[in-house]
PDB file of N, CA and C in Angstrom:
ATOM      1  N   MET A   1    -109.494 -11.101-241.000  1.00  0.00           N
ATOM      2  CA  MET A   1    -110.691 -10.960-241.806  1.00  0.00           C
ATOM      3  C   MET A   1    -111.336 -12.322-242.066  1.00  0.00           C
ATOM      4  N   ARG A   2    -110.492 -13.300-242.354  1.00  0.00           N
ATOM      5  CA  ARG A   2    -110.984 -14.632-242.644  1.00  0.00           C
ATOM      6  C   ARG A   2    -111.645 -15.240-241.399  1.00  0.00           C
ATOM      7  N   LYS A   3    -111.074 -14.983-240.225  1.00  0.00           N
ATOM      8  CA  LYS A   3    -111.628 -15.513-238.981  1.00  0.00           C
ATOM      9  C   LYS A   3    -113.025 -14.936-238.724  1.00  0.00           C
ATOM     10  N   HIS A   4    -113.189 -13.659-239.015  1.00  0.00           N
ATOM     11  CA  HIS A   4    -114.498 -13.026-238.818  1.00  0.00           C
ATOM     12  C   HIS A   4    -115.535 -13.631-239.753  1.00  0.00           C
ATOM     13  N   LEU A   5    -115.138 -13.888-240.988  1.00  0.00           N
ATOM     14  CA  LEU A   5    -116.047 -14.483-241.958  1.00  0.00           C
ATOM     15  C   LEU A   5    -116.457 -15.887-241.522  1.00  0.00           C
ATOM     16  N   ILE A   6    -115.497 -16.675-241.097  1.00  0.00           N
ATOM     17  CA  ILE A   6    -115.799 -18.028-240.645  1.00  0.00           C
ATOM     18  C   ILE A   6    -116.685 -17.976-239.403  1.00  0.00           C
ATOM     19  N   GLY A   7    -116.403 -17.057-238.494  1.00  0.00           N
ATOM     20  CA  GLY A   7    -117.219 -16.901-237.285  1.00  0.00           C
ATOM     21  C   GLY A   7    -118.652 -16.519-237.618  1.00  0.00           C
ATOM     22  N   MET A   8    -118.826 -15.639-238.588  1.00  0.00           N
ATOM     23  CA  MET A   8    -120.173 -15.238-238.983  1.00  0.00           C
ATOM     24  C   MET A   8    -120.926 -16.413-239.605  1.00  0.00           C
ATOM     25  N   VAL A   9    -120.259 -17.191-240.447  1.00  0.00           N
ATOM     26  CA  VAL A   9    -120.896 -18.340-241.084  1.00  0.00           C
ATOM     27  C   VAL A   9    -121.318 -19.353-240.027  1.00  0.00           C
ATOM     28  N   VAL A  10    -120.464 -19.616-239.057  1.00  0.00           N
ATOM     29  CA  VAL A  10    -120.790 -20.557-237.984  1.00  0.00           C
ATOM     30  C   VAL A  10    -121.972 -20.030-237.167  1.00  0.00           C
ATOM     31  N   ALA A  11    -121.972 -18.740-236.857  1.00  0.00           N
ATOM     32  CA  ALA A  11    -123.064 -18.159-236.080  1.00  0.00           C
ATOM     33  C   ALA A  11    -124.388 -18.264-236.830  1.00  0.00           C
ATOM     34  N   ILE A  12    -124.367 -18.031-238.127  1.00  0.00           N
ATOM     35  CA  ILE A  12    -125.590 -18.130-238.926  1.00  0.00           C
ATOM     36  C   ILE A  12    -126.099 -19.565-238.946  1.00  0.00           C
ATOM     37  N   CYS A  13    -125.179 -20.508-239.113  1.00  0.00           N
ATOM     38  CA  CYS A  13    -125.581 -21.920-239.139  1.00  0.00           C
ATOM     39  C   CYS A  13    -126.166 -22.353-237.806  1.00  0.00           C
ATOM     40  N   LEU A  14    -125.547 -21.958-236.714  1.00  0.00           N
ATOM     41  CA  LEU A  14    -126.066 -22.324-235.393  1.00  0.00           C
ATOM     42  C   LEU A  14    -127.414 -21.653-235.133  1.00  0.00           C
ATOM     43  N   GLY A  15    -127.533 -20.403-235.545  1.00  0.00           N
ATOM     44  CA  GLY A  15    -128.798 -19.693-235.363  1.00  0.00           C
ATOM     45  C   GLY A  15    -129.925 -20.330-236.151  1.00  0.00           C
ATOM     46  N   ALA A  16    -129.629 -20.739-237.360  1.00  0.00           N
ATOM     47  CA  ALA A  16    -130.649 -21.397-238.183  1.00  0.00           C
ATOM     48  C   ALA A  16    -131.049 -22.726-237.563  1.00  0.00           C
ATOM     49  N   GLY A  17    -130.075 -23.461-237.033  1.00  0.00           N
ATOM     50  CA  GLY A  17    -130.379 -24.739-236.384  1.00  0.00           C
ATOM     51  C   GLY A  17    -131.258 -24.554-235.162  1.00  0.00           C
ATOM     52  N   LEU A  18    -130.987 -23.522-234.367  1.00  0.00           N
ATOM     53  CA  LEU A  18    -131.816 -23.251-233.189  1.00  0.00           C
ATOM     54  C   LEU A  18    -133.217 -22.815-233.585  1.00  0.00           C
ATOM     55  N   ALA A  19    -133.314 -22.046-234.651  1.00  0.00           N
ATOM     56  CA  ALA A  19    -134.634 -21.594-235.111  1.00  0.00           C
ATOM     57  C   ALA A  19    -135.470 -22.772-235.575  1.00  0.00           C
ATOM     58  N   VAL A  20    -134.858 -23.716-236.268  1.00  0.00           N
ATOM     59  CA  VAL A  20    -135.588 -24.895-236.731  1.00  0.00           C
ATOM     60  C   VAL A  20    -136.055 -25.714-235.548  1.00  0.00           C
ATOM     61  N   THR A  21    -135.209 -25.849-234.524  1.00  0.00           N
ATOM     62  CA  THR A  21    -135.586 -26.595-233.331  1.00  0.00           C
ATOM     63  C   THR A  21    -136.742 -25.908-232.609  1.00  0.00           C
ATOM     64  N   ALA A  22    -136.714 -24.585-232.540  1.00  0.00           N
ATOM     65  CA  ALA A  22    -137.785 -23.853-231.863  1.00  0.00           C
ATOM     66  C   ALA A  22    -139.097 -23.993-232.626  1.00  0.00           C
ATOM     67  N   PHE A  23    -139.046 -23.938-233.944  1.00  0.00           N
ATOM     68  CA  PHE A  23    -140.261 -24.059-234.733  1.00  0.00           C
ATOM     69  C   PHE A  23    -140.790 -25.488-234.762  1.00  0.00           C
ATOM     70  N   ALA A  24    -139.933 -26.460-234.529  1.00  0.00           N
ATOM     71  CA  ALA A  24    -140.368 -27.855-234.571  1.00  0.00           C
ATOM     72  C   ALA A  24    -141.325 -28.164-233.430  1.00  0.00           C
ATOM     73  N   ASP A  25    -141.240 -27.409-232.324  1.00  0.00           N
ATOM     74  CA  ASP A  25    -142.113 -27.646-231.186  1.00  0.00           C
ATOM     75  C   ASP A  25    -143.510 -27.074-231.395  1.00  0.00           C
ATOM     76  N   GLU A  26    -143.648 -26.148-232.330  1.00  0.00           N
ATOM     77  CA  GLU A  26    -144.956 -25.543-232.574  1.00  0.00           C
ATOM     78  C   GLU A  26    -145.816 -26.480-233.415  1.00  0.00           C
ATOM     79  N   PRO A  27    -147.125 -26.479-233.178  1.00  0.00           N
ATOM     80  CA  PRO A  27    -147.996 -27.332-233.998  1.00  0.00           C
ATOM     81  C   PRO A  27    -148.068 -26.815-235.433  1.00  0.00           C
ATOM     82  N   ILE A  28    -148.296 -27.732-236.337  1.00  0.00           N
ATOM     83  CA  ILE A  28    -148.369 -27.387-237.757  1.00  0.00           C
ATOM     84  C   ILE A  28    -149.812 -27.050-238.103  1.00  0.00           C
ATOM     85  N   ASP A  29    -150.007 -25.960-238.825  1.00  0.00           N
ATOM     86  CA  ASP A  29    -151.348 -25.553-239.249  1.00  0.00           C
ATOM     87  C   ASP A  29    -151.642 -26.224-240.591  1.00  0.00           C
ATOM     88  N   TRP A  30    -152.242 -27.405-240.519  1.00  0.00           N
ATOM     89  CA  TRP A  30    -152.498 -28.190-241.724  1.00  0.00           C
ATOM     90  C   TRP A  30    -153.549 -27.544-242.614  1.00  0.00           C
ATOM     91  N   HIS A  31    -154.513 -26.868-241.996  1.00  0.00           N
ATOM     92  CA  HIS A  31    -155.559 -26.229-242.801  1.00  0.00           C
ATOM     93  C   HIS A  31    -154.972 -25.095-243.638  1.00  0.00           C
ATOM     94  N   ALA A  32    -154.040 -24.338-243.053  1.00  0.00           N
ATOM     95  CA  ALA A  32    -153.418 -23.248-243.806  1.00  0.00           C
ATOM     96  C   ALA A  32    -152.590 -23.806-244.964  1.00  0.00           C
ATOM     97  N   GLN A  33    -151.892 -24.912-244.715  1.00  0.00           N
ATOM     98  CA  GLN A  33    -151.117 -25.518-245.789  1.00  0.00           C
ATOM     99  C   GLN A  33    -152.027 -26.031-246.905  1.00  0.00           C
ATOM    100  N   GLU A  34    -153.164 -26.615-246.524  1.00  0.00           N
ATOM    101  CA  GLU A  34    -154.094 -27.115-247.531  1.00  0.00           C
ATOM    102  C   GLU A  34    -154.696 -25.968-248.339  1.00  0.00           C
ATOM    103  N   ARG A  35    -155.049 -24.880-247.653  1.00  0.00           N
ATOM    104  CA  ARG A  35    -155.582 -23.710-248.369  1.00  0.00           C
ATOM    105  C   ARG A  35    -154.552 -23.155-249.343  1.00  0.00           C
ATOM    106  N   GLN A  36    -153.302 -23.074-248.894  1.00  0.00           N
ATOM    107  CA  GLN A  36    -152.250 -22.555-249.759  1.00  0.00           C
ATOM    108  C   GLN A  36    -152.038 -23.466-250.968  1.00  0.00           C
ATOM    109  N   LEU A  37    -152.048 -24.770-250.732  1.00  0.00           N
ATOM    110  CA  LEU A  37    -151.880 -25.720-251.830  1.00  0.00           C
ATOM    111  C   LEU A  37    -153.029 -25.607-252.823  1.00  0.00           C
ATOM    112  N   LYS A  38    -154.252 -25.532-252.316  1.00  0.00           N
ATOM    113  CA  LYS A  38    -155.408 -25.424-253.210  1.00  0.00           C
ATOM    114  C   LYS A  38    -155.383 -24.113-253.991  1.00  0.00           C
ATOM    115  N   GLN A  39    -154.924 -23.039-253.353  1.00  0.00           N
ATOM    116  CA  GLN A  39    -154.851 -21.764-254.054  1.00  0.00           C
ATOM    117  C   GLN A  39    -153.819 -21.831-255.186  1.00  0.00           C
ATOM    118  N   SER A  40    -152.680 -22.444-254.927  1.00  0.00           N
ATOM    119  CA  SER A  40    -151.665 -22.560-255.983  1.00  0.00           C
ATOM    120  C   SER A  40    -152.159 -23.481-257.099  1.00  0.00           C
ATOM    121  N   GLN A  41    -152.894 -24.526-256.735  1.00  0.00           N
ATOM    122  CA  GLN A  41    -153.443 -25.422-257.749  1.00  0.00           C
ATOM    123  C   GLN A  41    -154.488 -24.705-258.597  1.00  0.00           C
ATOM    124  N   ARG A  42    -155.272 -23.862-257.963  1.00  0.00           N
ATOM    125  CA  ARG A  42    -156.273 -23.099-258.708  1.00  0.00           C
ATOM    126  C   ARG A  42    -155.592 -22.189-259.725  1.00  0.00           C
ATOM    127  N   SER A  43    -154.504 -21.546-259.329  1.00  0.00           N
ATOM    128  CA  SER A  43    -153.804 -20.668-260.272  1.00  0.00           C
ATOM    129  C   SER A  43    -153.170 -21.480-261.401  1.00  0.00           C
ATOM    130  N   GLU A  44    -152.707 -22.703-261.105  1.00  0.00           N
ATOM    131  CA  GLU A  44    -152.183 -23.566-262.168  1.00  0.00           C
ATOM    132  C   GLU A  44    -153.276 -23.928-263.161  1.00  0.00           C
ATOM    133  N   ARG A  45    -154.476 -24.233-262.647  1.00  0.00           N
ATOM    134  CA  ARG A  45    -155.582 -24.585-263.544  1.00  0.00           C
ATOM    135  C   ARG A  45    -156.005 -23.397-264.398  1.00  0.00           C
ATOM    136  N   VAL A  46    -156.015 -22.219-263.819  1.00  0.00           N
ATOM    137  CA  VAL A  46    -156.371 -21.022-264.580  1.00  0.00           C
ATOM    138  C   VAL A  46    -155.335 -20.779-265.675  1.00  0.00           C
ATOM    139  N   ALA A  47    -154.059 -20.953-265.340  1.00  0.00           N
ATOM    140  CA  ALA A  47    -153.005 -20.757-266.333  1.00  0.00           C
ATOM    141  C   ALA A  47    -153.138 -21.778-267.464  1.00  0.00           C
ATOM    142  N   MET A  48    -153.461 -23.026-267.106  1.00  0.00           N
ATOM    143  CA  MET A  48    -153.620 -24.050-268.142  1.00  0.00           C
ATOM    144  C   MET A  48    -154.833 -23.733-269.019  1.00  0.00           C
ATOM    145  N   LYS A  49    -155.914 -23.273-268.406  1.00  0.00           N
ATOM    146  CA  LYS A  49    -157.112 -22.942-269.178  1.00  0.00           C
ATOM    147  C   LYS A  49    -156.817 -21.802-270.149  1.00  0.00           C
ATOM    148  N   LEU A  50    -156.070 -20.805-269.699  1.00  0.00           N
ATOM    149  CA  LEU A  50    -155.699 -19.691-270.565  1.00  0.00           C
ATOM    150  C   LEU A  50    -154.820 -20.177-271.718  1.00  0.00           C
ATOM    151  N   LYS A  51    -153.878 -21.057-271.403  1.00  0.00           N
ATOM    152  CA  LYS A  51    -153.003 -21.607-272.436  1.00  0.00           C
ATOM    153  C   LYS A  51    -153.813 -22.386-273.467  1.00  0.00           C
ATOM    154  N   GLU A  52    -154.754 -23.214-272.990  1.00  0.00           N
ATOM    155  CA  GLU A  52    -155.598 -23.982-273.913  1.00  0.00           C
ATOM    156  C   GLU A  52    -156.434 -23.057-274.781  1.00  0.00           C
ATOM    157  N   HIS A  53    -156.957 -21.990-274.201  1.00  0.00           N
ATOM    158  CA  HIS A  53    -157.757 -21.038-274.970  1.00  0.00           C
ATOM    159  C   HIS A  53    -156.909 -20.393-276.068  1.00  0.00           C
ATOM    160  N   GLN A  54    -155.684 -20.007-275.720  1.00  0.00           N
ATOM    161  CA  GLN A  54    -154.806 -19.391-276.712  1.00  0.00           C
ATOM    162  C   GLN A  54    -154.459 -20.373-277.833  1.00  0.00           C
ATOM    163  N   ILE A  55    -154.238 -21.621-277.478  1.00  0.00           N
ATOM    164  CA  ILE A  55    -153.923 -22.625-278.503  1.00  0.00           C
ATOM    165  C   ILE A  55    -155.117 -22.820-279.429  1.00  0.00           C
ATOM    166  N   ARG A  56    -156.314 -22.900-278.849  1.00  0.00           N
ATOM    167  CA  ARG A  56    -157.517 -23.075-279.676  1.00  0.00           C
ATOM    168  C   ARG A  56    -157.732 -21.875-280.602  1.00  0.00           C
ATOM    169  N   GLN A  57    -157.468 -20.679-280.087  1.00  0.00           N
ATOM    170  CA  GLN A  57    -157.605 -19.487-280.924  1.00  0.00           C
ATOM    171  C   GLN A  57    -156.591 -19.506-282.065  1.00  0.00           C
ATOM    172  N   SER A  58    -155.365 -19.942-281.770  1.00  0.00           N
ATOM    173  CA  SER A  58    -154.365 -19.985-282.830  1.00  0.00           C
ATOM    174  C   SER A  58    -154.702 -21.067-283.861  1.00  0.00           C
ATOM    175  N   LEU A  59    -155.329 -22.165-283.414  1.00  0.00           N
ATOM    176  CA  LEU A  59    -155.753 -23.198-284.360  1.00  0.00           C
ATOM    177  C   LEU A  59    -156.848 -22.672-285.293  1.00  0.00           C
ATOM    178  N   LYS A  60    -157.727 -21.826-284.741  1.00  0.00           N
ATOM    179  CA  LYS A  60    -158.785 -21.254-285.577  1.00  0.00           C
ATOM    180  C   LYS A  60    -158.220 -20.261-286.582  1.00  0.00           C
ATOM    181  N   ALA A  61    -157.179 -19.534-286.169  1.00  0.00           N
ATOM    182  CA  ALA A  61    -156.652 -18.459-287.006  1.00  0.00           C
ATOM    183  C   ALA A  61    -155.758 -18.960-288.134  1.00  0.00           C
ATOM    184  N   SER A  62    -155.154 -20.121-287.954  1.00  0.00           N
ATOM    185  CA  SER A  62    -154.220 -20.593-288.972  1.00  0.00           C
ATOM    186  C   SER A  62    -154.738 -21.877-289.616  1.00  0.00           C
ATOM    187  N   PRO A  63    -154.428 -22.049-290.876  1.00  0.00           N
ATOM    188  CA  PRO A  63    -154.858 -23.295-291.538  1.00  0.00           C
ATOM    189  C   PRO A  63    -153.984 -24.465-291.077  1.00  0.00           C
ATOM    190  N   VAL A  64    -154.630 -25.419-290.406  1.00  0.00           N
ATOM    191  CA  VAL A  64    -153.924 -26.588-289.878  1.00  0.00           C
ATOM    192  C   VAL A  64    -154.679 -27.823-290.334  1.00  0.00           C
ATOM    193  N   SER A  65    -153.929 -28.866-290.688  1.00  0.00           N
ATOM    194  CA  SER A  65    -154.588 -30.089-291.134  1.00  0.00           C
ATOM    195  C   SER A  65    -155.350 -30.729-289.970  1.00  0.00           C
ATOM    196  N   GLY A  66    -156.310 -31.544-290.314  1.00  0.00           N
ATOM    197  CA  GLY A  66    -157.142 -32.196-289.305  1.00  0.00           C
ATOM    198  C   GLY A  66    -156.351 -33.100-288.382  1.00  0.00           C
ATOM    199  N   ALA A  67    -155.363 -33.797-288.935  1.00  0.00           N
ATOM    200  CA  ALA A  67    -154.545 -34.701-288.123  1.00  0.00           C
ATOM    201  C   ALA A  67    -153.706 -33.916-287.113  1.00  0.00           C
ATOM    202  N   THR A  68    -153.135 -32.811-287.570  1.00  0.00           N
ATOM    203  CA  THR A  68    -152.324 -31.982-286.671  1.00  0.00           C
ATOM    204  C   THR A  68    -153.192 -31.367-285.585  1.00  0.00           C
ATOM    205  N   ARG A  69    -154.377 -30.887-285.984  1.00  0.00           N
ATOM    206  CA  ARG A  69    -155.312 -30.297-285.034  1.00  0.00           C
ATOM    207  C   ARG A  69    -155.705 -31.332-283.970  1.00  0.00           C
ATOM    208  N   ALA A  70    -156.021 -32.543-284.402  1.00  0.00           N
ATOM    209  CA  ALA A  70    -156.399 -33.597-283.463  1.00  0.00           C
ATOM    210  C   ALA A  70    -155.244 -33.938-282.534  1.00  0.00           C
ATOM    211  N   GLU A  71    -154.037 -33.978-283.086  1.00  0.00           N
ATOM    212  CA  GLU A  71    -152.855 -34.284-282.274  1.00  0.00           C
ATOM    213  C   GLU A  71    -152.640 -33.220-281.201  1.00  0.00           C
ATOM    214  N   ILE A  72    -152.792 -31.954-281.571  1.00  0.00           N
ATOM    215  CA  ILE A  72    -152.610 -30.855-280.618  1.00  0.00           C
ATOM    216  C   ILE A  72    -153.689 -30.905-279.534  1.00  0.00           C
ATOM    217  N   ILE A  73    -154.923 -31.150-279.929  1.00  0.00           N
ATOM    218  CA  ILE A  73    -156.022 -31.202-278.956  1.00  0.00           C
ATOM    219  C   ILE A  73    -155.853 -32.387-278.018  1.00  0.00           C
ATOM    220  N   HIS A  74    -155.431 -33.531-278.534  1.00  0.00           N
ATOM    221  CA  HIS A  74    -155.202 -34.701-277.684  1.00  0.00           C
ATOM    222  C   HIS A  74    -154.055 -34.440-276.707  1.00  0.00           C
ATOM    223  N   LYS A  75    -153.049 -33.735-277.167  1.00  0.00           N
ATOM    224  CA  LYS A  75    -151.931 -33.392-276.286  1.00  0.00           C
ATOM    225  C   LYS A  75    -152.407 -32.479-275.159  1.00  0.00           C
ATOM    226  N   MET A  76    -153.245 -31.502-275.491  1.00  0.00           N
ATOM    227  CA  MET A  76    -153.787 -30.604-274.461  1.00  0.00           C
ATOM    228  C   MET A  76    -154.611 -31.390-273.443  1.00  0.00           C
ATOM    229  N   GLN A  77    -155.445 -32.302-273.929  1.00  0.00           N
ATOM    230  CA  GLN A  77    -156.268 -33.109-273.030  1.00  0.00           C
ATOM    231  C   GLN A  77    -155.405 -33.981-272.122  1.00  0.00           C
ATOM    232  N   ARG A  78    -154.346 -34.531-272.683  1.00  0.00           N
ATOM    233  CA  ARG A  78    -153.440 -35.370-271.899  1.00  0.00           C
ATOM    234  C   ARG A  78    -152.762 -34.540-270.811  1.00  0.00           C
ATOM    235  N   GLU A  79    -152.293 -33.340-271.166  1.00  0.00           N
ATOM    236  CA  GLU A  79    -151.666 -32.449-270.178  1.00  0.00           C
ATOM    237  C   GLU A  79    -152.658 -32.060-269.088  1.00  0.00           C
ATOM    238  N   HIS A  80    -153.908 -31.839-269.487  1.00  0.00           N
ATOM    239  CA  HIS A  80    -154.933 -31.478-268.512  1.00  0.00           C
ATOM    240  C   HIS A  80    -155.169 -32.626-267.520  1.00  0.00           C
ATOM    241  N   ARG A  81    -155.292 -33.834-268.033  1.00  0.00           N
ATOM    242  CA  ARG A  81    -155.476 -35.000-267.155  1.00  0.00           C
ATOM    243  C   ARG A  81    -154.283 -35.184-266.221  1.00  0.00           C
ATOM    244  N   GLU A  82    -153.070 -34.988-266.742  1.00  0.00           N
ATOM    245  CA  GLU A  82    -151.872 -35.136-265.925  1.00  0.00           C
ATOM    246  C   GLU A  82    -151.831 -34.088-264.820  1.00  0.00           C
ATOM    247  N   LEU A  83    -152.245 -32.857-265.140  1.00  0.00           N
ATOM    248  CA  LEU A  83    -152.273 -31.806-264.127  1.00  0.00           C
ATOM    249  C   LEU A  83    -153.268 -32.144-263.024  1.00  0.00           C
ATOM    250  N   ILE A  84    -154.454 -32.587-263.399  1.00  0.00           N
ATOM    251  CA  ILE A  84    -155.469 -32.943-262.412  1.00  0.00           C
ATOM    252  C   ILE A  84    -154.970 -34.082-261.531  1.00  0.00           C
ATOM    253  N   GLN A  85    -154.343 -35.092-262.128  1.00  0.00           N
ATOM    254  CA  GLN A  85    -153.836 -36.225-261.343  1.00  0.00           C
ATOM    255  C   GLN A  85    -152.705 -35.776-260.414  1.00  0.00           C
ATOM    256  N   LYS A  86    -151.841 -34.905-260.902  1.00  0.00           N
ATOM    257  CA  LYS A  86    -150.745 -34.391-260.082  1.00  0.00           C
ATOM    258  C   LYS A  86    -151.293 -33.625-258.881  1.00  0.00           C
ATOM    259  N   GLN A  87    -152.362 -32.846-259.113  1.00  0.00           N
ATOM    260  CA  GLN A  87    -152.952 -32.075-258.023  1.00  0.00           C
ATOM    261  C   GLN A  87    -153.638 -32.987-257.010  1.00  0.00           C
ATOM    262  N   ARG A  88    -154.309 -34.021-257.487  1.00  0.00           N
ATOM    263  CA  ARG A  88    -154.922 -34.983-256.564  1.00  0.00           C
ATOM    264  C   ARG A  88    -153.857 -35.668-255.709  1.00  0.00           C
ATOM    265  N   ASP A  89    -152.762 -36.037-256.347  1.00  0.00           N
ATOM    266  CA  ASP A  89    -151.679 -36.689-255.622  1.00  0.00           C
ATOM    267  C   ASP A  89    -151.075 -35.758-254.560  1.00  0.00           C
ATOM    268  N   ALA A  90    -150.962 -34.471-254.892  1.00  0.00           N
ATOM    269  CA  ALA A  90    -150.401 -33.514-253.940  1.00  0.00           C
ATOM    270  C   ALA A  90    -151.309 -33.359-252.717  1.00  0.00           C
ATOM    271  N   ILE A  91    -152.625 -33.292-252.940  1.00  0.00           N
ATOM    272  CA  ILE A  91    -153.569 -33.192-251.823  1.00  0.00           C
ATOM    273  C   ILE A  91    -153.498 -34.458-250.969  1.00  0.00           C
ATOM    274  N   GLN A  92    -153.445 -35.626-251.615  1.00  0.00           N
ATOM    275  CA  GLN A  92    -153.377 -36.878-250.863  1.00  0.00           C
ATOM    276  C   GLN A  92    -152.075 -36.977-250.083  1.00  0.00           C
ATOM    277  N   LYS A  93    -150.992 -36.503-250.661  1.00  0.00           N
ATOM    278  CA  LYS A  93    -149.702 -36.530-249.974  1.00  0.00           C
ATOM    279  C   LYS A  93    -149.753 -35.653-248.732  1.00  0.00           C
ATOM    280  N   LEU A  94    -150.367 -34.489-248.835  1.00  0.00           N
ATOM    281  CA  LEU A  94    -150.501 -33.603-247.677  1.00  0.00           C
ATOM    282  C   LEU A  94    -151.334 -34.272-246.591  1.00  0.00           C
ATOM    283  N   LYS A  95    -152.426 -34.918-246.970  1.00  0.00           N
ATOM    284  CA  LYS A  95    -153.261 -35.615-245.992  1.00  0.00           C
ATOM    285  C   LYS A  95    -152.498 -36.762-245.339  1.00  0.00           C
ATOM    286  N   ASP A  96    -151.709 -37.488-246.121  1.00  0.00           N
ATOM    287  CA  ASP A  96    -150.914 -38.581-245.565  1.00  0.00           C
ATOM    288  C   ASP A  96    -149.861 -38.063-244.598  1.00  0.00           C
ATOM    289  N   GLN A  97    -149.245 -36.926-244.937  1.00  0.00           N
ATOM    290  CA  GLN A  97    -148.264 -36.328-244.041  1.00  0.00           C
ATOM    291  C   GLN A  97    -148.920 -35.919-242.724  1.00  0.00           C
ATOM    292  N   GLU A  98    -150.103 -35.333-242.819  1.00  0.00           N
ATOM    293  CA  GLU A  98    -150.811 -34.923-241.612  1.00  0.00           C
ATOM    294  C   GLU A  98    -151.158 -36.146-240.759  1.00  0.00           C
ATOM    295  N   ARG A  99    -151.638 -37.190-241.395  1.00  0.00           N
ATOM    296  CA  ARG A  99    -151.990 -38.419-240.676  1.00  0.00           C
ATOM    297  C   ARG A  99    -150.764 -39.022-239.995  1.00  0.00           C
ATOM    298  N   ALA A 100    -149.646 -39.067-240.705  1.00  0.00           N
ATOM    299  CA  ALA A 100    -148.421 -39.617-240.133  1.00  0.00           C
ATOM    300  C   ALA A 100    -147.911 -38.758-238.982  1.00  0.00           C
ATOM    301  N   TYR A 101    -148.014 -37.438-239.138  1.00  0.00           N
ATOM    302  CA  TYR A 101    -147.566 -36.522-238.087  1.00  0.00           C
ATOM    303  C   TYR A 101    -148.419 -36.697-236.827  1.00  0.00           C
ATOM    304  N   ARG A 102    -149.731 -36.789-237.011  1.00  0.00           N
ATOM    305  CA  ARG A 102    -150.609 -36.964-235.853  1.00  0.00           C
ATOM    306  C   ARG A 102    -150.382 -38.326-235.187  1.00  0.00           C
ATOM    307  N   GLU A 103    -150.131 -39.347-235.978  1.00  0.00           N
ATOM    308  CA  GLU A 103    -149.827 -40.669-235.429  1.00  0.00           C
ATOM    309  C   GLU A 103    -148.527 -40.626-234.634  1.00  0.00           C
ATOM    310  N   TYR A 104    -147.529 -39.936-235.180  1.00  0.00           N
ATOM    311  CA  TYR A 104    -146.238 -39.797-234.490  1.00  0.00           C
ATOM    312  C   TYR A 104    -146.425 -39.068-233.164  1.00  0.00           C
ATOM    313  N   GLN A 105    -147.206 -37.983-233.184  1.00  0.00           N
ATOM    314  CA  GLN A 105    -147.450 -37.234-231.948  1.00  0.00           C
ATOM    315  C   GLN A 105    -148.180 -38.099-230.921  1.00  0.00           C
ATOM    316  N   ARG A 106    -149.150 -38.878-231.375  1.00  0.00           N
ATOM    317  CA  ARG A 106    -149.940 -39.682-230.461  1.00  0.00           C
ATOM    318  C   ARG A 106    -149.079 -40.779-229.816  1.00  0.00           C
ATOM    319  N   THR A 107    -148.204 -41.395-230.604  1.00  0.00           N
ATOM    320  CA  THR A 107    -147.389 -42.490-230.058  1.00  0.00           C
ATOM    321  C   THR A 107    -146.242 -41.980-229.191  1.00  0.00           C
ATOM    322  N   ASN A 108    -145.769 -40.759-229.442  1.00  0.00           N
ATOM    323  CA  ASN A 108    -144.641 -40.232-228.673  1.00  0.00           C
ATOM    324  C   ASN A 108    -145.075 -39.258-227.589  1.00  0.00           C
ATOM    325  N   GLY A 109    -146.368 -39.164-227.343  1.00  0.00           N
ATOM    326  CA  GLY A 109    -146.864 -38.310-226.276  1.00  0.00           C
ATOM    327  C   GLY A 109    -146.631 -36.837-226.498  1.00  0.00           C
ATOM    328  N   GLY A 110    -146.577 -36.422-227.750  1.00  0.00           N
ATOM    329  CA  GLY A 110    -146.279 -35.018-228.052  1.00  0.00           C
ATOM    330  C   GLY A 110    -147.489 -34.243-228.227  1.00  0.00           C
TER     331      GLY A 110
END
């Protein structure tokens, strides 16, 4: 029983390795990756906007001091700026990866 289990694990590992090698020869669809990244970023922005709206509504509904209100709003603004910067960095990283991949292909005749 143990031999069969070990044999199956080895077969799965070898199969996965061959599949990765086969897929490595195919060209990468950079536009599809960029569209997918932008779509996920859009959903992150929508989620953040909804969260900010809920926080603002709760601030209106409850008595909160001016200092606390300002602190919460500044925190939201800071999180918003960080999200935008993170998304810009992700897009730039994808573009850099594409540029490096194309450079690698050009120099290695691929």
